[in-house]
Protein backbone atom coordinates (compact mmCIF):
# COMPACT_ATOMS: atom_id res chain seq x y z
CA MET A 1 31.95 21.11 34.11
CA PRO A 2 28.44 20.68 32.73
CA GLN A 3 27.88 22.48 29.46
CA SER A 4 25.13 25.01 29.02
CA ASP A 5 22.45 24.52 26.39
CA GLU A 6 24.03 27.35 24.44
CA THR A 7 27.41 25.59 24.40
CA GLU A 8 25.85 22.27 23.42
CA ALA A 9 23.97 23.91 20.58
CA TYR A 10 27.10 25.27 18.97
CA GLU A 11 29.83 22.86 20.04
CA GLY A 12 30.12 21.48 16.51
CA ALA A 13 30.93 24.85 14.98
CA TYR A 14 34.65 24.18 14.74
CA LEU A 15 33.90 21.33 12.32
CA ILE A 16 32.36 23.74 9.80
CA SER A 17 34.59 25.60 7.37
CA PRO A 18 34.17 29.40 7.26
CA LEU A 19 32.84 29.15 3.71
CA VAL A 20 30.01 26.84 4.75
CA GLU A 21 29.50 28.68 8.04
CA ASN A 22 28.80 31.94 6.22
CA LEU A 23 26.48 30.67 3.52
CA PRO A 24 23.33 32.78 3.06
CA PHE A 25 20.23 31.51 4.84
CA ASP A 26 18.45 30.65 1.59
CA ILE A 27 21.40 28.48 0.47
CA LEU A 28 21.52 26.75 3.85
CA ALA A 29 17.77 26.19 3.68
CA ALA A 30 18.15 24.57 0.26
CA ILE A 31 20.89 22.31 1.65
CA PHE A 32 18.65 21.41 4.59
CA ARG A 33 15.79 20.52 2.25
CA LYS A 34 17.97 18.22 0.13
CA THR A 35 19.40 16.63 3.28
CA LEU A 36 15.90 16.06 4.63
CA GLU A 37 14.76 14.45 1.38
CA SER A 38 17.80 12.16 1.35
CA HIS A 39 17.31 11.33 5.04
CA ASN A 40 13.68 10.35 4.46
CA ASP A 41 14.62 8.20 1.46
CA ASP A 42 17.25 6.29 3.44
CA PHE A 43 15.35 5.86 6.71
CA ASP A 44 13.45 2.60 7.06
CA GLU A 45 10.66 3.15 9.55
CA ARG A 46 10.29 -0.60 10.03
CA GLU A 47 13.54 -0.50 12.01
CA SER A 48 11.98 1.74 14.64
CA THR A 49 9.77 0.60 17.51
CA PHE A 50 6.01 1.11 17.20
CA GLY A 51 6.63 3.85 14.65
CA HIS A 52 8.83 5.85 17.04
CA LYS A 53 11.88 7.10 15.23
CA ALA A 54 15.02 5.54 16.59
CA ILE A 55 17.47 8.27 15.62
CA LEU A 56 17.83 12.00 16.22
CA PRO A 57 15.39 13.93 13.99
CA ILE A 58 17.18 15.70 11.17
CA ALA A 59 15.82 19.09 12.27
CA HIS A 60 17.43 18.77 15.69
CA ALA A 61 20.72 17.63 14.18
CA MET A 62 20.83 20.61 11.81
CA SER A 63 20.04 23.07 14.58
CA HIS A 64 22.91 21.85 16.79
CA VAL A 65 25.82 22.31 14.40
CA SER A 66 26.67 26.00 14.72
CA ARG A 67 25.09 29.33 15.54
CA SER A 68 24.38 30.28 11.92
CA TRP A 69 23.08 26.81 11.11
CA ARG A 70 20.84 26.96 14.15
CA MET A 71 19.36 30.29 13.11
CA ALA A 72 18.78 29.00 9.59
CA ALA A 73 17.26 25.74 10.84
CA LEU A 74 14.90 27.50 13.24
CA SER A 75 13.63 29.69 10.43
CA ALA A 76 13.16 26.76 8.00
CA GLY A 77 9.64 25.64 8.86
CA PHE A 78 9.76 22.61 6.57
CA LEU A 79 12.37 21.01 8.85
CA TRP A 80 9.83 20.85 11.68
CA CYS A 81 6.74 19.72 9.80
CA GLU A 82 6.97 16.02 10.81
CA ILE A 83 4.84 15.84 13.95
CA GLU A 84 4.54 12.62 15.93
CA VAL A 85 2.30 12.12 18.94
CA ASN A 86 2.77 9.03 21.08
CA SER A 87 2.97 8.08 24.74
CA GLN A 88 6.51 9.51 24.98
CA THR A 89 5.71 12.91 23.46
CA ILE A 90 6.54 15.84 25.75
CA HIS A 91 4.03 18.65 25.41
CA ASP A 92 6.55 21.48 25.60
CA HIS A 93 8.69 19.85 22.93
CA LEU A 94 5.64 19.34 20.69
CA SER A 95 4.61 22.98 21.13
CA VAL A 96 8.09 24.15 20.14
CA CYS A 97 8.04 22.02 16.98
CA LEU A 98 4.58 23.26 16.00
CA THR A 99 5.70 26.85 16.51
CA ARG A 100 8.87 26.37 14.47
CA ALA A 101 6.88 24.75 11.66
CA GLY A 102 5.14 28.08 11.22
CA GLY A 103 2.98 28.11 8.11
CA SER A 104 4.43 24.89 6.68
CA GLN A 105 2.11 22.02 5.93
CA LEU A 106 2.32 19.26 8.54
CA ASP A 107 2.88 15.51 8.30
CA VAL A 108 1.12 14.13 11.38
CA ALA A 109 1.47 10.67 12.93
CA ILE A 110 -0.54 9.65 16.01
CA HIS A 111 0.15 6.31 17.68
CA CYS A 112 -2.11 5.13 20.53
CA PRO A 113 -1.82 1.42 21.42
CA GLU A 114 -3.96 1.75 24.56
CA VAL A 115 -6.75 4.05 25.74
CA GLY A 116 -5.28 6.79 27.90
CA ASP A 117 -1.77 6.46 26.46
CA LEU A 118 -1.78 9.96 25.02
CA ASP A 119 -1.65 13.31 26.73
CA GLN A 120 -4.87 14.95 25.54
CA LYS A 121 -3.11 18.33 25.46
CA ASN A 122 -0.88 16.93 22.73
CA VAL A 123 -3.83 15.59 20.76
CA GLU A 124 -5.64 18.91 21.04
CA ALA A 125 -2.56 20.87 19.99
CA VAL A 126 -2.16 18.82 16.82
CA PHE A 127 -5.85 18.86 15.89
CA ALA A 128 -5.94 22.61 16.42
CA ARG A 129 -3.73 22.81 13.32
CA VAL A 130 -5.72 20.39 11.15
CA GLN A 131 -6.00 23.08 8.47
CA LYS A 132 -2.24 22.74 7.92
CA TRP A 133 -2.16 18.95 7.66
CA ARG A 134 -0.65 17.50 4.49
CA THR A 135 -0.56 13.85 5.59
CA CYS A 136 -2.08 12.08 8.57
CA LYS A 137 -1.44 8.60 9.97
CA ILE A 138 -3.46 7.50 13.00
CA PHE A 139 -3.10 4.10 14.64
CA MET A 140 -5.38 3.15 17.53
CA VAL A 141 -6.20 -0.16 19.11
CA THR A 142 -9.39 1.31 20.58
CA GLU A 143 -11.33 4.49 19.87
CA SER A 144 -12.74 5.66 23.20
CA LEU A 145 -15.78 7.87 23.70
CA ALA A 146 -14.06 9.41 26.71
CA GLN A 147 -10.83 10.20 24.86
CA PRO A 148 -11.68 10.19 21.15
CA ILE A 149 -9.06 10.70 18.47
CA ALA A 150 -10.48 9.78 15.07
CA MET A 151 -13.83 11.38 15.89
CA ARG A 152 -12.06 14.71 16.27
CA LEU A 153 -11.91 14.65 12.48
CA CYS A 154 -15.70 14.90 12.28
CA GLY A 155 -16.54 18.06 10.39
CA ALA A 156 -12.87 19.05 10.25
CA ASN A 157 -11.63 21.35 7.52
CA ALA A 158 -8.33 20.02 6.16
CA PRO A 159 -7.94 21.82 2.82
CA HIS A 160 -4.33 20.64 2.26
CA LEU A 161 -4.72 17.00 3.33
CA ARG A 162 -3.64 14.59 0.60
CA TYR A 163 -2.89 11.39 2.52
CA LEU A 164 -4.95 9.76 5.29
CA SER A 165 -4.19 6.43 6.97
CA LEU A 166 -6.58 5.50 9.77
CA GLU A 167 -6.25 2.16 11.59
CA LEU A 168 -8.73 1.26 14.32
CA LEU A 169 -8.73 -2.31 15.63
CA ARG A 170 -11.54 -1.99 18.19
CA SER A 171 -14.29 0.49 18.91
CA GLU A 172 -15.93 1.36 22.21
CA ASN A 173 -19.65 1.36 21.41
CA LEU A 174 -19.01 3.59 18.43
CA SER A 175 -21.00 3.53 15.24
CA ARG A 176 -22.04 5.96 12.57
CA ALA A 177 -24.92 6.85 14.86
CA ASN A 178 -22.31 8.55 17.07
CA VAL A 179 -20.88 10.44 14.12
CA ASN A 180 -23.15 13.35 13.33
CA THR A 181 -20.80 14.71 10.67
CA PRO A 182 -18.75 12.46 8.37
CA ILE A 183 -15.06 12.18 9.15
CA LEU A 184 -13.32 14.47 6.71
CA ASP A 185 -16.15 14.84 4.24
CA GLY A 186 -14.32 14.40 0.95
CA LYS A 187 -16.34 17.04 -0.85
CA VAL A 188 -15.83 19.83 1.66
CA GLY A 189 -13.41 18.95 4.46
CA ALA A 190 -10.62 17.36 2.42
CA PRO A 191 -11.03 18.29 -1.24
CA LEU A 192 -7.42 17.32 -2.14
CA LEU A 193 -7.42 13.92 -0.39
CA SER A 194 -6.03 11.47 -2.98
CA PHE A 195 -4.77 8.57 -0.83
CA MET A 196 -6.82 6.88 1.87
CA ARG A 197 -6.08 3.78 3.94
CA LEU A 198 -8.88 2.60 6.24
CA ARG A 199 -8.13 -0.43 8.40
CA GLY A 200 -10.26 -2.35 10.85
CA TYR A 201 -13.28 -0.38 11.98
CA ALA A 202 -12.06 2.84 10.39
CA PHE A 203 -14.27 2.50 7.31
CA ARG A 204 -17.33 2.89 9.53
CA TYR A 205 -16.42 6.50 10.26
CA PHE A 206 -15.66 7.72 6.78
CA VAL A 207 -18.64 8.57 4.61
CA PRO A 208 -17.90 9.24 0.94
CA PRO A 209 -18.15 10.75 -1.59
CA SER A 210 -14.58 11.88 -1.91
CA LEU A 211 -13.97 13.52 -5.23
CA ALA A 212 -10.17 13.32 -5.41
CA VAL A 213 -9.29 9.92 -3.89
CA SER A 214 -7.45 7.82 -6.48
CA THR A 215 -5.95 5.18 -4.13
CA LEU A 216 -8.13 3.42 -1.55
CA HIS A 217 -7.15 0.68 0.92
CA LEU A 218 -9.94 -1.13 2.82
CA GLU A 219 -8.03 -3.61 4.95
CA LEU A 220 -8.13 -5.80 8.06
CA THR A 221 -11.92 -5.78 7.95
CA THR A 222 -12.60 -9.49 8.47
CA PHE A 223 -13.54 -9.34 12.14
CA CYS A 224 -15.49 -6.08 11.93
CA VAL A 225 -19.17 -5.50 11.32
CA LEU A 226 -19.14 -5.65 7.54
CA PHE A 227 -21.02 -4.21 4.59
CA ASN A 228 -23.95 -5.76 2.86
CA PHE A 229 -23.56 -5.79 -0.91
CA SER A 230 -25.55 -2.65 -1.66
CA ALA A 231 -23.65 -0.70 1.02
CA PHE A 232 -20.29 -1.86 -0.32
CA LYS A 233 -21.31 -0.99 -3.87
CA SER A 234 -22.45 2.46 -2.76
CA PHE A 235 -19.26 3.02 -0.75
CA VAL A 236 -16.73 2.29 -3.49
CA GLU A 237 -18.75 3.87 -6.29
CA ASN A 238 -18.67 7.16 -4.42
CA PHE A 239 -15.00 7.58 -5.31
CA PRO A 240 -15.38 8.74 -8.91
CA MET A 241 -11.61 9.15 -9.46
CA LEU A 242 -10.66 5.77 -7.96
CA GLN A 243 -7.77 4.15 -9.86
CA HIS A 244 -6.23 1.78 -7.30
CA LEU A 245 -8.21 -0.39 -4.86
CA SER A 246 -6.75 -2.69 -2.19
CA LEU A 247 -9.15 -5.01 -0.32
CA TRP A 248 -7.73 -7.19 2.48
CA GLY A 249 -10.33 -9.20 4.35
CA ASP A 250 -13.92 -10.25 3.84
CA MET A 251 -15.92 -7.18 2.88
CA LEU A 252 -19.43 -8.57 3.22
CA GLY A 253 -21.24 -10.06 6.21
CA GLU A 254 -23.47 -13.13 6.45
CA PRO A 255 -21.13 -15.84 5.11
CA ASP A 256 -23.90 -17.76 3.35
CA LYS A 257 -25.16 -14.63 1.55
CA LEU A 258 -21.96 -12.98 0.48
CA TRP A 259 -21.66 -11.85 -3.12
CA PRO A 260 -24.77 -11.91 -5.30
CA PHE A 261 -24.90 -14.09 -8.36
CA PRO A 262 -27.50 -12.27 -10.47
CA PRO A 263 -28.92 -13.69 -13.68
CA MET A 264 -26.31 -13.72 -16.43
CA LYS A 265 -26.74 -12.43 -19.95
CA ASP A 266 -23.92 -13.13 -22.40
CA GLY A 267 -21.67 -13.87 -19.44
CA ILE A 268 -22.31 -10.48 -17.81
CA PRO A 269 -24.26 -10.15 -14.54
CA GLY A 270 -27.11 -7.69 -14.25
CA THR A 271 -25.89 -5.94 -11.09
CA LEU A 272 -22.48 -4.32 -11.53
CA ILE A 273 -20.13 -2.28 -9.39
CA ASP A 274 -19.05 0.49 -11.74
CA LEU A 275 -15.47 1.70 -11.30
CA PRO A 276 -14.76 3.19 -14.72
CA LYS A 277 -11.29 4.55 -13.88
CA LEU A 278 -9.98 1.57 -11.89
CA ARG A 279 -6.55 0.46 -13.13
CA SER A 280 -5.24 -1.86 -10.40
CA LEU A 281 -6.89 -4.14 -7.84
CA ARG A 282 -5.51 -6.19 -4.93
CA LEU A 283 -7.59 -8.86 -3.20
CA TYR A 284 -7.19 -11.09 -0.16
CA SER A 285 -10.01 -12.94 1.60
CA HIS A 286 -10.13 -15.31 4.57
CA SER A 287 -13.24 -17.03 3.25
CA GLY A 288 -12.18 -16.88 -0.40
CA SER A 289 -15.48 -15.38 -1.47
CA ILE A 290 -14.18 -12.01 -2.60
CA TYR A 291 -12.16 -13.23 -5.59
CA SER A 292 -14.88 -14.57 -7.84
CA GLY A 293 -17.56 -12.61 -5.98
CA LEU A 294 -16.17 -9.17 -6.78
CA LEU A 295 -14.76 -10.05 -10.19
CA GLN A 296 -18.18 -11.29 -11.32
CA VAL A 297 -19.91 -8.01 -10.52
CA LEU A 298 -17.10 -5.55 -11.29
CA ASN A 299 -17.30 -3.30 -14.32
CA ALA A 300 -13.80 -1.86 -14.72
CA PRO A 301 -12.96 -1.48 -18.41
CA ASP A 302 -9.54 0.10 -17.70
CA LEU A 303 -8.37 -2.55 -15.20
CA THR A 304 -4.83 -3.62 -16.15
CA THR A 305 -3.23 -4.99 -12.97
CA LEU A 306 -4.39 -7.65 -10.47
CA ASN A 307 -2.81 -8.93 -7.26
CA LEU A 308 -4.56 -12.01 -5.84
CA ARG A 309 -3.26 -13.34 -2.54
CA GLY A 310 -4.26 -16.58 -0.83
CA MET A 311 -6.55 -17.82 -3.60
CA ALA A 312 -7.40 -21.53 -3.71
CA MET A 313 -8.46 -23.50 -6.74
CA HIS A 314 -12.12 -23.70 -5.70
CA ASP A 315 -12.21 -19.90 -5.41
CA LEU A 316 -11.69 -19.77 -9.18
CA ASN A 317 -14.56 -22.05 -10.19
CA PRO A 318 -17.30 -19.39 -10.35
CA LEU A 319 -15.09 -17.25 -12.59
CA ALA A 320 -15.71 -19.68 -15.43
CA ARG A 321 -19.12 -18.00 -15.80
CA ILE A 322 -17.50 -14.71 -16.79
CA CYS A 323 -17.51 -13.77 -20.45
CA PRO A 324 -13.99 -14.45 -21.82
CA HIS A 325 -13.82 -10.92 -23.24
CA ARG A 326 -14.71 -9.24 -19.95
CA TYR A 327 -11.14 -8.77 -18.70
CA THR A 328 -9.08 -8.51 -21.86
CA SER A 329 -7.70 -5.23 -20.48
CA VAL A 330 -5.86 -7.07 -17.67
CA LYS A 331 -2.20 -7.36 -18.68
CA SER A 332 -0.51 -8.14 -15.35
CA ILE A 333 -1.36 -10.59 -12.54
CA LEU A 334 0.58 -11.34 -9.36
CA LEU A 335 -0.46 -14.51 -7.50
CA THR A 336 0.89 -14.95 -3.96
CA ASP A 337 0.49 -17.97 -1.65
CA ILE A 338 -2.06 -19.58 -3.94
CA ASP A 339 -3.16 -23.22 -3.95
CA PHE A 340 -3.35 -24.35 -7.59
CA PRO A 341 -2.36 -28.04 -7.40
CA ILE A 342 -3.57 -28.96 -10.89
CA HIS A 343 -3.50 -27.21 -14.26
CA ASN A 344 -7.27 -26.64 -14.45
CA ALA A 345 -6.89 -23.61 -12.20
CA TYR A 346 -4.49 -21.98 -14.64
CA GLU A 347 -6.77 -22.87 -17.53
CA THR A 348 -9.64 -21.03 -15.84
CA LEU A 349 -7.32 -18.11 -15.17
CA ARG A 350 -6.27 -18.03 -18.83
CA THR A 351 -9.89 -18.13 -19.96
CA VAL A 352 -10.86 -15.18 -17.78
CA PHE A 353 -7.65 -13.19 -18.35
CA PRO A 354 -6.53 -14.16 -21.87
CA CYS A 355 -4.21 -11.23 -22.63
CA LEU A 356 -1.55 -11.38 -19.92
CA GLY A 357 1.87 -9.90 -20.61
CA LYS A 358 3.19 -10.15 -17.04
CA LEU A 359 2.65 -13.02 -14.61
CA GLY A 360 4.04 -13.47 -11.11
CA VAL A 361 3.59 -16.57 -8.95
CA LEU A 362 5.15 -16.46 -5.48
CA GLY A 363 5.05 -19.02 -2.67
CA GLN A 364 4.05 -22.70 -2.74
CA ASP A 365 7.22 -23.75 -4.57
CA TYR A 366 6.12 -27.39 -4.70
CA GLN A 367 3.34 -26.41 -7.16
CA VAL A 368 5.71 -24.70 -9.59
CA PRO A 369 5.87 -27.71 -12.00
CA VAL A 370 2.13 -27.38 -12.64
CA LEU A 371 2.59 -23.78 -13.79
CA LEU A 372 5.71 -24.44 -15.86
CA ASN A 373 4.16 -27.43 -17.63
CA PHE A 374 1.08 -25.33 -18.34
CA LEU A 375 3.18 -22.50 -19.80
CA SER A 376 5.00 -24.94 -22.07
CA GLY A 377 1.72 -26.26 -23.52
CA LYS A 378 1.80 -29.76 -22.02
CA PHE A 379 -1.83 -29.50 -20.85
CA THR A 380 -3.18 -27.58 -23.87
CA ASP A 381 -2.59 -29.94 -26.80
CA GLY A 382 0.60 -28.16 -27.70
CA TRP A 383 -0.62 -24.58 -28.13
CA LEU A 384 0.91 -22.05 -25.77
CA PRO A 385 -1.25 -20.14 -23.29
CA TRP A 386 -0.71 -16.40 -22.94
CA GLU A 387 1.18 -16.00 -26.20
CA ASP A 388 2.01 -12.37 -25.35
CA LEU A 389 3.60 -13.24 -21.99
CA HIS A 390 6.86 -11.28 -21.85
CA THR A 391 7.65 -11.08 -18.10
CA LEU A 392 7.57 -13.92 -15.59
CA THR A 393 8.28 -13.65 -11.85
CA ILE A 394 8.45 -16.97 -10.07
CA SER A 395 9.67 -18.36 -6.75
CA LEU A 396 11.27 -21.78 -6.87
CA ASP A 397 13.98 -24.01 -5.43
CA VAL A 398 17.00 -25.33 -7.26
CA GLN A 399 15.29 -28.63 -8.12
CA LYS A 400 12.88 -26.74 -10.42
CA CYS A 401 15.52 -24.75 -12.31
CA GLU A 402 15.97 -27.33 -15.06
CA LEU A 403 12.22 -27.44 -15.72
CA LEU A 404 12.17 -23.64 -15.80
CA GLN A 405 14.89 -23.63 -18.47
CA GLU A 406 13.04 -26.25 -20.51
CA THR A 407 9.88 -24.14 -20.39
CA MET A 408 11.74 -21.05 -21.57
CA LYS A 409 13.28 -23.06 -24.42
CA VAL A 410 9.86 -24.31 -25.56
CA ARG A 411 8.38 -20.82 -25.63
CA GLN A 412 11.43 -19.48 -27.43
CA LYS A 413 11.28 -22.24 -30.04
CA ARG A 414 7.57 -21.57 -30.57
CA GLU A 415 8.32 -17.85 -31.10
CA HIS A 416 6.50 -16.72 -27.97
CA PRO A 417 9.50 -16.12 -25.72
CA VAL A 418 9.54 -14.66 -22.24
CA ARG A 419 11.78 -11.58 -22.42
CA GLN A 420 12.34 -10.90 -18.71
CA LEU A 421 12.57 -13.48 -15.95
CA TYR A 422 12.71 -12.79 -12.20
CA VAL A 423 13.57 -15.80 -10.04
CA VAL A 424 12.81 -15.35 -6.33
CA SER A 425 14.69 -17.71 -4.01
CA VAL A 426 16.68 -17.67 -0.78
CA GLN A 427 18.79 -20.60 -1.97
CA GLU A 428 22.30 -19.71 -3.11
CA ALA A 429 22.18 -22.84 -5.28
CA VAL A 430 19.55 -21.17 -7.45
CA ASP A 431 21.84 -18.20 -8.00
CA ASP A 432 24.68 -20.58 -8.86
CA TYR A 433 22.51 -22.48 -11.34
CA MET A 434 21.37 -19.34 -13.13
CA GLU A 435 24.94 -18.07 -13.35
CA ASN A 436 26.64 -21.30 -14.43
CA GLU A 437 24.11 -23.63 -16.04
CA TRP A 438 21.61 -21.31 -17.67
CA GLU A 439 22.07 -21.78 -21.42
CA LEU A 440 19.75 -19.16 -22.89
CA GLU A 441 20.70 -15.62 -23.83
CA GLU A 442 17.04 -14.72 -23.57
CA PRO A 443 15.17 -14.15 -21.35
CA ALA A 444 17.24 -11.74 -19.34
CA PHE A 445 17.04 -12.83 -15.71
CA ASP A 446 17.54 -11.54 -12.20
CA VAL A 447 17.73 -13.67 -9.07
CA LEU A 448 15.99 -11.95 -6.17
CA TYR A 449 16.15 -12.90 -2.50
CA GLY A 450 12.84 -11.17 -1.87
CA PHE A 451 10.10 -9.47 -3.83
CA ASP A 452 8.47 -6.20 -2.80
CA GLU A 453 5.64 -5.22 -5.08
CA ILE A 454 5.47 -1.57 -6.05
CA TRP A 455 1.82 -0.76 -5.51
CA PRO A 456 0.08 1.19 -6.82
CA PRO A 457 1.97 0.73 -10.09
CA GLY A 458 4.25 3.69 -10.66
CA ARG A 459 4.46 4.63 -6.97
CA THR A 460 7.60 6.73 -6.40
CA VAL A 461 7.58 7.19 -2.61
CA GLU A 462 8.08 4.58 0.11
CA ASP A 463 4.94 3.26 1.80
CA PHE A 464 6.03 1.54 4.99
CA ASP A 465 2.46 0.49 5.82
CA ASN A 466 2.12 -1.46 2.59
CA TRP A 467 3.03 -4.80 4.20
CA LEU A 468 -0.16 -6.84 4.07
CA PHE A 469 0.41 -8.14 0.55
CA LEU A 470 4.15 -8.74 0.89
């Protein structure tokens, strides 16, 4: 016999002890909240398809255990605050979730791979509650004038919004000329917005200033209509609280007129981009121009952490013009998939960033001997570069392990030892070598089969969209 909805809702009741069954609503709500937090920590969104969650939402699971649990779950608005709109979203189901969320702040995700994929009633229902948004993630291949999504944010009032991720790969004859009011004006519409990720064409529809943004991603911009230098300078300087900046792609147009090289005085250019609170910076560029281009015109006295991906040796050459004392605040650099075939590249890097305490070099294992020989002083007449280097992260194969140990011995003997070593390798032989043939008590070492950078430094929550620099 088919079961009724009522029976299905409570069929698990016999599994619950009377003590748990009769807990007060506030105790059950506290249990639900802890369960939800644990569930979110354990769930890896990358295992789902196109951002669609592959398992039963925790709210539905909690509301189908027993009658008392159902009543408690339906009254716990925070269980229903994760709102996802995609091509599979049923309007009645969405309406129920929005109603059950009540006055709780909402975490909204909108996924639209193709124009016309979304039921506009669903989009309208979610945007009607923009004042309750806490986080918002929007992915669109194309923003359509006929069925706009991102442009619905124009002039919106989202007083609780703290996190915005907007990815737009193509636009349908859209430009700022179509946007009469800035998307989520950071001074009025989203005063608490602290994290912003703009990918593809999305940056064209956000007009700063934004007074609270501390983390900014401008990414996947290479094939878009880009900034000129003055526009880029104006854009990033209008985030007065900016501490963490991630740039993936070429920011400026006109390849032969990219970053200005103004007259230098004492190694400092006359035109600077002032980011006085910036602490960490990530850079990747198809053309390679952004590395030396931005670093030559950046004034960031508090910058401590750099991540440079895809840099080639010739990208470093213009950096030699920088005053050696310009970036003494930088203590940590991560280099990924670089092309530094000879030691001169590391010498330039040491000149520009003389005070490193942490260095990571990942990818291009065949170039590892150049780095290790440089660190042991073989190219510097015996003196050791980066005397304060205490942490080294390096990817290598088993053939380089002996050279790595020799380098660590040299630095230890010269009283400038590396204290912590992370070896990244998929070869079990590397693990075996470190366990059985490593002779040094210091540095302490860990063998890692992969390396996921925590960025920004100190981040405590998972960011599943932070994959471009991995």
